[in-house]
């Protein structure tokens, strides 16, 4: 059971349309528990090979799969495959680059369709999970829905999302508050839904301290 599903289980919230942008393999989906409950779901995966696996895995569920990358324009874009990461090749800061020292190889690069998220967003998304290796802002910027819950990859070891200031400003301007953090994601809740508990705040403080410590150790290791 994914953490976001487990933590929401005790809340009196109803979800009718879930979305995940950046799925990777279907069995690792961050919203898999919602899908298996039969909730209508939109999945966006840039790698067409993985997108086909997702279609096959969830063929018996109300799932729509878009095999496109989300970016700041409609057209095509070059992506790079790096183990469990697929990211826009022109991005200079992603977890694979910052934490794993990934260097682009010609054999890792492929071209795929890219679209504005506003062309996929139907305006009724209740919960969205976004993990697209440094391009999360392009989803949020063009999002017409105002989900009750938004999960965004914002950090991991030494990596900090390059668009974090814009993401944080958007959340504040649109009435969202930080609910909790884990080792890679920041999860926000719309302020008219519920407030983060003291337990949530303590958990976030612990995670922030742990992430800071990991970042310090990694910097120290590089100096040695």
Protein backbone atom coordinates (compact mmCIF):
# COMPACT_ATOMS: atom_id res chain seq x y z
CA UNK A 1 0.00 0.00 0.00
CA UNK A 2 1.41 3.38 -1.04
CA UNK A 3 1.92 5.98 1.68
CA UNK A 4 -0.36 8.57 0.10
CA UNK A 5 -3.24 6.07 -0.03
CA UNK A 6 -2.63 4.90 3.53
CA UNK A 7 -2.54 8.44 4.93
CA UNK A 8 -5.71 9.43 3.05
CA UNK A 9 -7.60 6.35 4.26
CA UNK A 10 -8.42 8.09 7.54
CA UNK A 11 -9.66 11.27 5.86
CA UNK A 12 -13.27 11.83 4.87
CA UNK A 13 -12.47 12.61 1.24
CA UNK A 14 -14.05 11.35 -1.95
CA UNK A 15 -12.06 10.92 -5.15
CA UNK A 16 -13.62 10.42 -8.58
CA UNK A 17 -10.70 11.22 -10.91
CA UNK A 18 -7.06 10.49 -10.15
CA UNK A 19 -4.08 11.48 -12.30
CA UNK A 20 -0.42 10.49 -12.32
CA UNK A 21 2.17 12.12 -14.55
CA UNK A 22 5.35 10.04 -14.73
CA UNK A 23 4.38 6.48 -13.87
CA UNK A 24 7.34 4.26 -14.76
CA UNK A 25 6.35 0.56 -14.54
CA UNK A 26 2.64 0.07 -13.79
CA UNK A 27 3.15 -1.98 -10.65
CA UNK A 28 5.14 0.90 -9.14
CA UNK A 29 2.47 3.53 -9.78
CA UNK A 30 2.04 5.93 -6.88
CA UNK A 31 -1.75 5.76 -7.37
CA UNK A 32 -2.08 1.99 -7.85
CA UNK A 33 -4.28 1.61 -4.75
CA UNK A 34 -6.80 4.12 -6.10
CA UNK A 35 -6.82 2.37 -9.48
CA UNK A 36 -7.53 -0.99 -7.87
CA UNK A 37 -10.49 0.57 -6.07
CA UNK A 38 -11.96 1.28 -9.49
CA UNK A 39 -11.52 5.05 -9.46
CA UNK A 40 -11.26 6.67 -12.90
CA UNK A 41 -7.61 7.41 -13.56
CA UNK A 42 -5.52 9.28 -16.12
CA UNK A 43 -1.92 8.12 -16.45
CA UNK A 44 0.69 10.06 -18.41
CA UNK A 45 3.94 8.28 -19.32
CA UNK A 46 6.45 9.70 -21.79
CA UNK A 47 8.19 6.43 -22.69
CA UNK A 48 5.97 4.69 -25.30
CA UNK A 49 7.37 1.25 -24.42
CA UNK A 50 6.42 1.69 -20.78
CA UNK A 51 3.07 3.26 -21.71
CA UNK A 52 2.13 0.08 -23.58
CA UNK A 53 2.96 -2.02 -20.50
CA UNK A 54 0.74 0.28 -18.44
CA UNK A 55 -2.18 -0.17 -20.87
CA UNK A 56 -1.86 -3.94 -20.71
CA UNK A 57 -1.48 -4.06 -16.91
CA UNK A 58 -4.55 -1.92 -16.24
CA UNK A 59 -6.73 -3.04 -19.15
CA UNK A 60 -9.51 -4.17 -16.76
CA UNK A 61 -9.64 -0.85 -14.91
CA UNK A 62 -11.07 2.59 -15.86
CA UNK A 63 -7.65 3.92 -16.86
CA UNK A 64 -6.76 6.26 -19.73
CA UNK A 65 -3.09 6.28 -20.76
CA UNK A 66 -1.42 9.16 -22.60
CA UNK A 67 1.95 8.20 -24.11
CA UNK A 68 3.31 11.75 -24.21
CA UNK A 69 5.77 13.96 -22.38
CA UNK A 70 4.46 17.06 -20.64
CA UNK A 71 6.45 20.18 -21.46
CA UNK A 72 6.01 23.88 -22.24
CA UNK A 73 4.88 23.41 -25.86
CA UNK A 74 3.15 21.00 -28.22
CA UNK A 75 5.35 19.08 -30.64
CA UNK A 76 8.18 16.62 -30.13
CA UNK A 77 11.01 16.44 -27.65
CA UNK A 78 14.12 14.38 -26.95
CA UNK A 79 14.13 12.24 -23.81
CA UNK A 80 16.85 10.17 -22.15
CA UNK A 81 16.40 6.78 -20.49
CA UNK A 82 18.55 6.32 -17.38
CA UNK A 83 17.68 3.15 -15.43
CA UNK A 84 14.39 3.98 -13.65
CA UNK A 85 14.39 7.58 -14.88
CA UNK A 86 13.18 9.03 -18.16
CA UNK A 87 13.68 12.76 -18.51
CA UNK A 88 13.90 15.60 -21.01
CA UNK A 89 17.41 15.50 -22.47
CA UNK A 90 17.86 19.28 -22.26
CA UNK A 91 17.21 19.30 -18.49
CA UNK A 92 20.42 20.02 -16.56
CA UNK A 93 19.12 19.07 -13.10
CA UNK A 94 17.34 15.77 -12.48
CA UNK A 95 17.80 13.08 -9.79
CA UNK A 96 19.71 10.87 -12.25
CA UNK A 97 22.12 13.69 -13.12
CA UNK A 98 22.59 15.15 -9.64
CA UNK A 99 22.55 12.00 -7.50
CA UNK A 100 23.77 9.28 -9.87
CA UNK A 101 26.15 11.26 -12.06
CA UNK A 102 24.33 10.21 -15.22
CA UNK A 103 25.97 11.31 -18.46
CA UNK A 104 23.92 11.22 -21.61
CA UNK A 105 24.62 8.49 -24.17
CA UNK A 106 23.37 8.61 -27.72
CA UNK A 107 21.80 5.15 -27.30
CA UNK A 108 19.68 6.42 -24.38
CA UNK A 109 18.03 9.23 -26.37
CA UNK A 110 14.69 8.95 -28.15
CA UNK A 111 12.13 11.38 -29.54
CA UNK A 112 8.51 11.43 -28.44
CA UNK A 113 5.44 13.66 -28.60
CA UNK A 114 5.16 16.43 -26.03
CA UNK A 115 1.99 18.29 -25.04
CA UNK A 116 0.78 21.03 -22.76
CA UNK A 117 -0.90 19.54 -19.69
CA UNK A 118 -3.93 21.78 -20.22
CA UNK A 119 -4.80 19.66 -23.27
CA UNK A 120 -5.04 16.53 -21.10
CA UNK A 121 -6.52 18.02 -17.92
CA UNK A 122 -10.31 17.73 -18.01
CA UNK A 123 -10.74 20.11 -15.07
CA UNK A 124 -12.07 17.54 -12.61
CA UNK A 125 -8.92 15.88 -11.22
CA UNK A 126 -9.25 15.26 -7.45
CA UNK A 127 -5.74 14.02 -6.78
CA UNK A 128 -2.57 14.27 -8.86
CA UNK A 129 0.88 12.73 -8.44
CA UNK A 130 3.69 14.30 -10.50
CA UNK A 131 7.15 12.79 -10.90
CA UNK A 132 8.83 13.76 -14.18
CA UNK A 133 12.42 14.42 -13.23
CA UNK A 134 12.64 18.19 -13.02
CA UNK A 135 9.72 19.08 -15.32
CA UNK A 136 6.94 18.96 -12.71
CA UNK A 137 6.41 22.70 -13.02
CA UNK A 138 5.13 22.33 -16.59
CA UNK A 139 2.24 20.23 -15.27
CA UNK A 140 1.37 22.59 -12.43
CA UNK A 141 1.71 25.74 -14.54
CA UNK A 142 -0.91 24.58 -17.09
CA UNK A 143 -3.18 22.64 -14.72
CA UNK A 144 -6.84 23.70 -14.98
CA UNK A 145 -8.04 21.36 -12.22
CA UNK A 146 -7.58 22.29 -8.57
CA UNK A 147 -7.08 18.86 -6.98
CA UNK A 148 -7.74 18.24 -3.31
CA UNK A 149 -4.28 16.67 -3.01
CA UNK A 150 -1.11 17.29 -5.07
CA UNK A 151 2.02 15.14 -4.74
CA UNK A 152 5.17 16.53 -6.39
CA UNK A 153 8.72 15.19 -6.57
CA UNK A 154 10.69 18.08 -5.07
CA UNK A 155 13.85 16.56 -3.59
CA UNK A 156 16.01 13.44 -3.31
CA UNK A 157 19.43 13.22 -1.65
CA UNK A 158 21.36 16.19 -3.14
CA UNK A 159 18.71 16.96 -5.75
CA UNK A 160 16.34 19.90 -5.33
CA UNK A 161 13.66 20.51 -7.96
CA UNK A 162 14.98 23.38 -10.14
CA UNK A 163 11.51 24.95 -10.21
CA UNK A 164 10.91 24.70 -6.45
CA UNK A 165 10.47 28.48 -5.86
CA UNK A 166 7.79 28.67 -8.58
CA UNK A 167 6.07 25.52 -7.31
CA UNK A 168 5.98 26.83 -3.73
CA UNK A 169 4.66 30.21 -4.89
CA UNK A 170 1.93 28.57 -6.99
CA UNK A 171 0.81 26.44 -4.04
CA UNK A 172 0.55 29.48 -1.79
CA UNK A 173 -1.26 31.60 -4.40
CA UNK A 174 -3.77 28.85 -5.14
CA UNK A 175 -4.67 27.97 -1.56
CA UNK A 176 -2.57 24.87 -0.91
CA UNK A 177 -0.66 23.96 2.24
CA UNK A 178 2.13 21.45 2.75
CA UNK A 179 0.67 18.28 4.24
CA UNK A 180 3.77 16.10 4.57
CA UNK A 181 7.07 15.15 2.94
CA UNK A 182 8.75 11.82 2.30
CA UNK A 183 12.24 11.16 0.95
CA UNK A 184 11.39 12.46 -2.52
CA UNK A 185 7.97 14.10 -2.60
CA UNK A 186 6.16 17.06 -1.08
CA UNK A 187 2.43 16.44 -0.71
CA UNK A 188 0.11 19.45 -0.61
CA UNK A 189 -3.54 19.64 0.39
CA UNK A 190 -6.06 22.28 -0.65
CA UNK A 191 -6.66 24.38 2.45
CA UNK A 192 -10.45 23.87 2.41
CA UNK A 193 -10.03 20.09 2.88
CA UNK A 194 -8.11 19.56 6.13
CA UNK A 195 -5.09 20.82 8.05
CA UNK A 196 -1.79 19.03 8.58
CA UNK A 197 -1.67 17.48 12.06
CA UNK A 198 1.17 17.88 14.52
CA UNK A 199 2.17 14.33 13.63
CA UNK A 200 2.39 15.32 9.97
CA UNK A 201 4.48 18.37 10.85
CA UNK A 202 6.85 16.34 13.02
CA UNK A 203 7.18 13.78 10.25
CA UNK A 204 8.01 16.55 7.76
CA UNK A 205 10.60 18.05 10.12
CA UNK A 206 12.22 14.63 10.53
CA UNK A 207 12.31 14.07 6.75
CA UNK A 208 13.77 17.54 6.14
CA UNK A 209 16.52 16.86 8.68
CA UNK A 210 17.19 13.44 7.16
CA UNK A 211 17.36 14.87 3.63
CA UNK A 212 19.71 17.64 4.81
CA UNK A 213 21.95 15.05 6.46
CA UNK A 214 22.04 12.89 3.32
CA UNK A 215 22.89 15.95 1.24
CA UNK A 216 25.69 16.89 3.63
CA UNK A 217 27.14 13.35 3.55
CA UNK A 218 27.05 13.29 -0.24
CA UNK A 219 28.86 16.64 -0.47
CA UNK A 220 31.44 15.43 2.04
CA UNK A 221 31.99 12.24 0.04
CA UNK A 222 32.61 14.26 -3.12
CA UNK A 223 35.26 16.36 -1.37
CA UNK A 224 37.06 13.25 -0.17
